[in-house]
Protein backbone atom coordinates (compact mmCIF):
# COMPACT_ATOMS: atom_id res chain seq x y z
CA MET A 1 37.45 -0.79 -56.16
CA SER A 2 35.89 2.71 -56.24
CA GLU A 3 33.14 3.96 -53.90
CA SER A 4 30.71 3.69 -56.81
CA SER A 5 31.35 -0.03 -57.25
CA SER A 6 30.87 -3.21 -55.24
CA ARG A 7 31.36 -6.94 -55.62
CA ALA A 8 28.85 -9.73 -55.81
CA VAL A 9 28.10 -13.28 -56.91
CA ARG A 10 26.16 -12.48 -60.08
CA LEU A 11 24.38 -15.09 -62.16
CA PHE A 12 23.25 -14.80 -65.74
CA GLU A 13 21.82 -18.30 -65.80
CA GLY A 14 21.74 -21.43 -63.67
CA THR A 15 25.16 -22.90 -63.03
CA ASP A 16 27.09 -25.50 -61.04
CA PRO A 17 28.01 -24.10 -57.60
CA ASN A 18 31.58 -25.13 -58.23
CA ASP A 19 31.71 -22.58 -61.08
CA LEU A 20 30.60 -19.55 -59.04
CA ARG A 21 32.71 -16.44 -59.34
CA THR A 22 32.46 -12.95 -57.89
CA THR A 23 32.52 -9.91 -60.09
CA GLU A 24 32.69 -6.15 -59.76
CA VAL A 25 29.23 -4.59 -60.01
CA LYS A 26 27.86 -1.07 -59.82
CA ARG A 27 27.12 -0.06 -56.25
CA PRO A 28 23.32 -0.18 -55.86
CA THR A 29 21.36 3.05 -55.80
CA LEU A 30 18.41 3.66 -53.51
CA GLY A 31 14.79 4.20 -54.33
CA PRO A 32 12.11 5.72 -52.09
CA ASP A 33 11.91 4.18 -48.60
CA GLU A 34 15.03 2.09 -49.15
CA LEU A 35 18.34 1.74 -47.42
CA LEU A 36 21.78 0.27 -48.22
CA VAL A 37 23.36 -2.38 -46.02
CA ALA A 38 27.02 -3.32 -46.04
CA VAL A 39 26.68 -7.07 -45.66
CA HIS A 40 28.94 -8.53 -42.99
CA ALA A 41 27.50 -12.05 -42.99
CA ALA A 42 25.12 -14.01 -45.22
CA ALA A 43 24.39 -17.70 -44.86
CA VAL A 44 24.30 -20.07 -47.78
CA ASN A 45 21.04 -21.95 -47.44
CA PRO A 46 20.17 -25.17 -49.29
CA VAL A 47 17.55 -23.19 -51.24
CA ASP A 48 20.31 -20.81 -52.35
CA VAL A 49 22.12 -23.80 -53.89
CA VAL A 50 18.99 -24.89 -55.71
CA ASN A 51 18.52 -21.33 -56.91
CA VAL A 52 22.06 -21.06 -58.27
CA ARG A 53 21.49 -24.32 -60.19
CA GLY A 54 18.60 -22.63 -61.98
CA LEU A 55 15.92 -24.93 -60.50
CA ILE A 56 13.60 -22.30 -59.03
CA PRO A 57 11.12 -21.06 -61.66
CA LEU A 58 10.41 -17.70 -60.05
CA THR A 59 14.04 -16.49 -60.34
CA VAL A 60 14.68 -13.77 -62.91
CA PHE A 61 18.23 -13.54 -64.31
CA PRO A 62 20.63 -11.85 -64.12
CA ARG A 63 20.54 -12.11 -60.37
CA VAL A 64 22.62 -11.92 -57.19
CA PRO A 65 21.57 -14.86 -54.96
CA GLY A 66 21.24 -15.02 -51.19
CA ARG A 67 18.34 -14.67 -48.71
CA ASP A 68 19.85 -14.28 -45.18
CA PHE A 69 21.84 -11.18 -44.22
CA ALA A 70 23.34 -9.23 -41.32
CA GLY A 71 25.25 -6.00 -41.66
CA VAL A 72 25.37 -2.26 -41.12
CA VAL A 73 23.21 0.40 -42.70
CA VAL A 74 25.50 2.74 -44.70
CA ASP A 75 22.98 4.83 -46.64
CA GLY A 76 19.31 5.75 -46.29
CA PRO A 77 17.37 7.50 -43.52
CA SER A 78 19.82 9.38 -41.31
CA GLU A 79 18.40 7.85 -38.10
CA LEU A 80 19.22 4.35 -39.39
CA ILE A 81 22.77 4.94 -40.71
CA GLY A 82 25.24 2.95 -38.58
CA SER A 83 22.59 0.58 -37.30
CA GLU A 84 23.40 -3.12 -37.11
CA VAL A 85 20.59 -5.06 -38.76
CA TRP A 86 19.60 -8.56 -39.89
CA GLY A 87 16.83 -10.30 -41.72
CA THR A 88 15.97 -12.62 -44.58
CA GLY A 89 14.12 -12.65 -47.88
CA GLY A 90 10.98 -14.50 -48.86
CA GLY A 91 10.35 -14.92 -52.57
CA ASP A 92 12.12 -11.67 -53.38
CA LEU A 93 15.78 -11.56 -52.26
CA GLY A 94 17.89 -13.66 -54.58
CA PHE A 95 14.94 -14.40 -56.83
CA VAL A 96 13.40 -11.29 -58.26
CA ARG A 97 15.61 -8.67 -56.60
CA ASP A 98 19.35 -8.92 -55.91
CA GLY A 99 20.19 -10.81 -52.78
CA SER A 100 22.75 -10.84 -50.01
CA HIS A 101 25.74 -12.61 -51.52
CA ALA A 102 27.32 -9.27 -52.22
CA LYS A 103 29.15 -6.52 -50.39
CA HIS A 104 26.07 -4.28 -50.51
CA LEU A 105 22.36 -4.94 -50.41
CA VAL A 106 19.41 -2.62 -51.07
CA LEU A 107 16.38 -3.24 -48.85
CA PRO A 108 13.09 -1.59 -47.99
CA CYS A 109 13.36 0.30 -44.71
CA ASP A 110 10.83 -2.05 -43.12
CA GLY A 111 12.75 -5.10 -44.32
CA VAL A 112 15.43 -4.93 -41.65
CA VAL A 113 15.37 -5.77 -37.94
CA PRO A 114 17.74 -4.44 -35.23
CA LYS A 115 20.44 -7.04 -34.67
CA PRO A 116 20.41 -8.43 -31.09
CA ALA A 117 23.57 -7.36 -29.32
CA ALA A 118 23.95 -10.89 -28.02
CA MET A 119 24.38 -12.26 -31.55
CA SER A 120 27.49 -11.98 -33.74
CA PHE A 121 27.14 -10.97 -37.35
CA ASP A 122 27.81 -14.61 -38.34
CA GLU A 123 25.02 -15.84 -36.05
CA ALA A 124 22.52 -13.22 -37.15
CA GLY A 125 23.43 -13.73 -40.80
CA SER A 126 22.57 -17.44 -40.52
CA ALA A 127 19.45 -17.18 -38.36
CA GLY A 128 16.89 -15.23 -40.38
CA LEU A 129 15.36 -17.82 -42.70
CA ALA A 130 15.71 -20.55 -40.07
CA TYR A 131 13.73 -18.64 -37.49
CA VAL A 132 11.11 -17.27 -39.88
CA ALA A 133 10.43 -20.84 -41.00
CA ALA A 134 10.52 -22.23 -37.48
CA SER A 135 8.19 -19.62 -36.06
CA MET A 136 5.65 -20.00 -38.88
CA ALA A 137 5.86 -23.80 -38.92
CA LEU A 138 5.20 -24.16 -35.20
CA ASP A 139 2.24 -21.79 -35.40
CA ARG A 140 0.79 -23.70 -38.35
CA ALA A 141 1.25 -27.08 -36.64
CA GLY A 142 -0.72 -25.88 -33.65
CA THR A 143 -0.46 -24.22 -30.23
CA VAL A 144 2.72 -25.17 -28.36
CA SER A 145 1.50 -25.39 -24.76
CA GLU A 146 3.49 -26.07 -21.66
CA GLY A 147 4.41 -29.78 -21.55
CA ALA A 148 3.31 -30.55 -25.14
CA THR A 149 5.45 -33.01 -27.08
CA VAL A 150 6.91 -31.63 -30.32
CA LEU A 151 8.58 -33.89 -32.84
CA VAL A 152 11.24 -32.30 -35.07
CA THR A 153 12.78 -34.13 -38.02
CA GLY A 154 16.14 -32.86 -39.26
CA ALA A 155 16.58 -31.42 -35.74
CA ALA A 156 20.32 -30.77 -36.29
CA GLY A 157 19.77 -28.60 -39.39
CA GLY A 158 19.32 -24.87 -39.57
CA VAL A 159 15.50 -24.81 -39.51
CA GLY A 160 15.28 -27.89 -37.30
CA SER A 161 17.58 -26.44 -34.63
CA ALA A 162 15.55 -23.21 -34.68
CA VAL A 163 12.30 -25.20 -34.13
CA VAL A 164 13.96 -27.00 -31.23
CA SER A 165 14.99 -23.72 -29.62
CA MET A 166 11.55 -22.11 -30.08
CA ALA A 167 9.67 -25.14 -28.84
CA LYS A 168 11.87 -25.41 -25.71
CA ALA A 169 11.37 -21.70 -25.06
CA ARG A 170 7.60 -22.28 -25.10
CA GLY A 171 7.86 -25.04 -22.55
CA ALA A 172 7.53 -28.10 -24.79
CA ARG A 173 9.16 -31.46 -24.55
CA VAL A 174 11.11 -31.97 -27.81
CA ILE A 175 11.89 -35.19 -29.63
CA GLY A 176 14.50 -34.74 -32.36
CA ALA A 177 14.94 -37.09 -35.31
CA VAL A 178 18.47 -37.01 -36.76
CA LEU A 179 20.95 -39.09 -38.73
CA GLY A 180 23.86 -40.60 -36.80
CA ALA A 181 25.40 -40.55 -33.38
CA ASP A 182 27.21 -37.23 -33.94
CA GLU A 183 23.92 -35.47 -34.68
CA CYS A 184 22.28 -37.11 -31.68
CA ARG A 185 24.97 -35.61 -29.44
CA ARG A 186 24.61 -32.18 -31.07
CA VAL A 187 20.85 -31.96 -30.61
CA GLU A 188 21.02 -33.32 -27.04
CA LYS A 189 23.50 -30.57 -26.24
CA ALA A 190 21.08 -28.07 -27.82
CA GLY A 191 18.29 -29.12 -25.47
CA VAL A 192 16.42 -31.94 -27.22
CA ASP A 193 14.85 -34.21 -24.58
CA THR A 194 14.93 -37.35 -26.70
CA ALA A 195 17.15 -37.85 -29.76
CA ILE A 196 16.25 -40.57 -32.24
CA ASP A 197 18.77 -41.84 -34.84
CA THR A 198 16.51 -42.80 -37.73
CA ARG A 199 19.33 -44.93 -39.23
CA ASP A 200 19.00 -47.36 -36.34
CA HIS A 201 15.45 -46.92 -35.05
CA ASP A 202 11.93 -46.86 -36.46
CA LEU A 203 10.74 -43.28 -35.83
CA ALA A 204 7.13 -44.11 -34.94
CA ASP A 205 8.13 -46.89 -32.55
CA ALA A 206 10.77 -44.69 -30.90
CA VAL A 207 8.32 -41.85 -30.39
CA ALA A 208 5.75 -44.22 -28.92
CA ASP A 209 8.38 -45.51 -26.49
CA ALA A 210 9.35 -41.93 -25.51
CA THR A 211 5.74 -40.87 -24.92
CA GLY A 212 4.31 -43.91 -23.24
CA GLY A 213 2.35 -44.70 -26.40
CA LEU A 214 0.64 -41.34 -26.60
CA GLY A 215 2.55 -40.02 -29.65
CA ALA A 216 3.58 -36.45 -30.44
CA ASP A 217 1.20 -33.51 -30.09
CA LEU A 218 2.83 -31.44 -32.84
CA ALA A 219 5.48 -32.13 -35.50
CA VAL A 220 7.61 -30.02 -37.79
CA ASP A 221 9.02 -32.10 -40.65
CA THR A 222 12.03 -30.51 -42.33
CA VAL A 223 12.98 -33.72 -44.14
CA GLY A 224 9.84 -34.38 -46.20
CA ALA A 225 9.06 -37.46 -48.25
CA PRO A 226 11.55 -39.92 -46.70
CA LEU A 227 10.06 -39.52 -43.23
CA LEU A 228 6.58 -38.11 -43.70
CA ASN A 229 4.74 -41.46 -43.30
CA SER A 230 6.79 -42.17 -40.17
CA VAL A 231 5.94 -38.74 -38.78
CA ILE A 232 2.22 -39.36 -39.42
CA ALA A 233 2.49 -42.75 -37.65
CA ALA A 234 4.22 -41.06 -34.70
CA MET A 235 1.41 -38.58 -33.99
CA GLY A 236 -1.05 -38.75 -31.17
CA PHE A 237 -4.79 -38.12 -31.44
CA GLY A 238 -5.54 -34.60 -32.69
CA GLY A 239 -1.91 -33.93 -33.63
CA GLY A 240 -0.77 -31.35 -36.15
CA ILE A 241 2.09 -31.62 -38.63
CA CYS A 242 3.74 -28.87 -40.65
CA PHE A 243 6.15 -29.92 -43.39
CA LEU A 244 8.43 -27.63 -45.29
CA ALA A 245 10.57 -29.85 -47.46
CA ALA A 246 9.72 -31.47 -50.80
CA ARG A 247 11.94 -32.58 -53.64
CA PRO A 248 10.66 -32.24 -57.20
CA GLU A 249 8.77 -35.24 -58.51
CA THR A 250 8.41 -36.98 -55.19
CA ARG A 251 5.16 -38.66 -54.14
CA VAL A 252 4.04 -39.94 -50.73
CA GLU A 253 1.16 -42.37 -50.10
CA PHE A 254 -0.46 -42.69 -46.69
CA ASP A 255 -3.48 -44.36 -45.09
CA PRO A 256 -6.29 -41.79 -45.12
CA GLN A 257 -8.44 -43.79 -42.70
CA ALA A 258 -5.76 -43.86 -40.07
CA PHE A 259 -5.17 -40.15 -40.67
CA TYR A 260 -8.76 -38.95 -40.21
CA ARG A 261 -9.61 -41.40 -37.44
CA ARG A 262 -6.88 -39.88 -35.32
CA ASP A 263 -8.10 -36.36 -36.25
CA LEU A 264 -4.68 -35.31 -37.62
CA ARG A 265 -3.83 -32.04 -39.41
CA LEU A 266 -1.19 -31.74 -42.16
CA VAL A 267 -0.17 -28.31 -43.52
CA GLY A 268 2.64 -27.11 -45.75
CA LEU A 269 4.84 -24.02 -45.49
CA ASN A 270 6.43 -22.22 -48.43
CA THR A 271 8.47 -19.21 -47.23
CA THR A 272 9.01 -17.97 -50.80
CA ARG A 273 5.45 -16.62 -50.72
CA MET A 274 6.65 -13.89 -48.32
CA THR A 275 8.51 -10.65 -48.89
CA VAL A 276 11.55 -9.45 -47.00
CA SER A 277 9.31 -6.98 -45.15
CA GLU A 278 6.89 -9.71 -44.11
CA ALA A 279 9.80 -11.85 -42.93
CA ALA A 280 11.05 -8.89 -40.88
CA SER A 281 7.65 -8.72 -39.16
CA VAL A 282 8.11 -12.35 -38.02
CA LEU A 283 11.67 -11.80 -36.74
CA ARG A 284 11.14 -8.45 -34.95
CA PRO A 285 9.18 -9.92 -31.95
CA LEU A 286 11.94 -12.55 -31.46
CA VAL A 287 14.71 -10.02 -30.71
CA PRO A 288 14.15 -9.84 -26.95
CA ALA A 289 14.27 -13.65 -26.73
CA PHE A 290 17.65 -13.68 -28.42
CA GLU A 291 18.87 -10.89 -26.13
CA HIS A 292 17.81 -12.84 -23.01
CA GLY A 293 19.23 -16.14 -24.28
CA ASP A 294 15.81 -17.83 -24.55
CA LEU A 295 16.50 -18.48 -28.25
CA ARG A 296 19.77 -19.74 -29.68
CA PRO A 297 21.09 -18.89 -33.11
CA PRO A 298 22.08 -21.85 -35.36
CA HIS A 299 25.57 -23.18 -34.95
CA VAL A 300 27.95 -21.67 -37.52
CA ALA A 301 30.37 -24.33 -38.72
CA GLN A 302 32.25 -22.37 -41.45
CA SER A 303 32.77 -18.83 -42.65
CA HIS A 304 34.25 -17.75 -46.00
CA PRO A 305 35.11 -14.52 -47.73
CA LEU A 306 32.88 -13.68 -50.71
CA GLU A 307 35.62 -14.76 -53.09
CA GLU A 308 35.25 -18.32 -51.76
CA ALA A 309 31.53 -18.49 -52.65
CA SER A 310 32.05 -21.61 -54.78
CA THR A 311 33.60 -23.42 -51.84
CA ALA A 312 30.81 -22.38 -49.49
CA TYR A 313 28.07 -23.35 -51.95
CA SER A 314 29.68 -26.70 -52.70
CA THR A 315 29.98 -27.50 -48.99
CA VAL A 316 26.27 -26.86 -48.49
CA GLN A 317 25.39 -28.86 -51.61
CA ASN A 318 27.48 -31.79 -50.36
CA GLY A 319 26.08 -31.59 -46.84
CA THR A 320 29.53 -31.88 -45.25
CA ALA A 321 29.35 -29.03 -42.73
CA ALA A 322 28.15 -29.79 -39.18
CA GLY A 323 26.26 -26.49 -38.98
CA ARG A 324 25.71 -23.33 -40.99
CA VAL A 325 28.00 -22.04 -43.72
CA VAL A 326 28.37 -18.26 -43.88
CA LEU A 327 29.82 -15.79 -46.39
CA ARG A 328 31.57 -12.64 -45.09
CA PRO A 329 31.39 -10.17 -47.94
CA GLN A 330 33.19 -7.35 -46.14
CA GLN A 331 36.20 -9.58 -45.31
């Protein structure tokens, strides 16, 4: 491969993740106020799988998918060359501009954040979207004060684990809803105060037991329709819920009287309404907390070279990895 070429997962239309292939592409050129990153790690998020399948209307083909990234600046402003950086896209990377599942990635200069030295490339490359979503979801749910009780559904997932870490760092008591004994053990090890296996326990009843009948002050629901009614029932008076998961053509009915009588708030979060630069502005203030160990990156379960993109995508689609799945394009 020449210095003028690169490799990438390049899509001309939606396809089955099992059919993904990498191809040689022209090495990207820079525009004004842009830089070039050699991508060392890039997570495969569930939204990337949906995107590859052609189910996200905003995507413009042909396209290189991938939102999360961590790597080294190899071209651009001289003061940034050699810098280790990380970040994530909003509704741009992988949708309307080429994303991170490639050896090289063009980004606006304000779209990258210095990588915390305490984080490996794999960890940084899997943390961007999770922590952007977690930070915004907690802020939209309400103020996380010392001693508040925060309920997190899907607490073992990428976004869920980031919410747990951020809520604990802010002094909250965290209740994590998960599936199965293995996930219970994982989230307890990550700092969850009470883990609830929703296969065996009614969520609202279990939260009531854990809070002495008071319910949760705030909730971040990363599961969506299957648990949303249970999350609503688990809330205390004046509680706030942010949800950021919804499958197409799903509907949820709930009791509006019970909702307003308890003075509840329900808000949604769609991170595709952001840009990579806006996402960077959310991540930048978090760097010191990662350096000091107050925030933990998501657990990385698997890493694959770029040529194994189909395996990585299929693993995420099937939900068989106990943690994040990462591509290593420079490997």
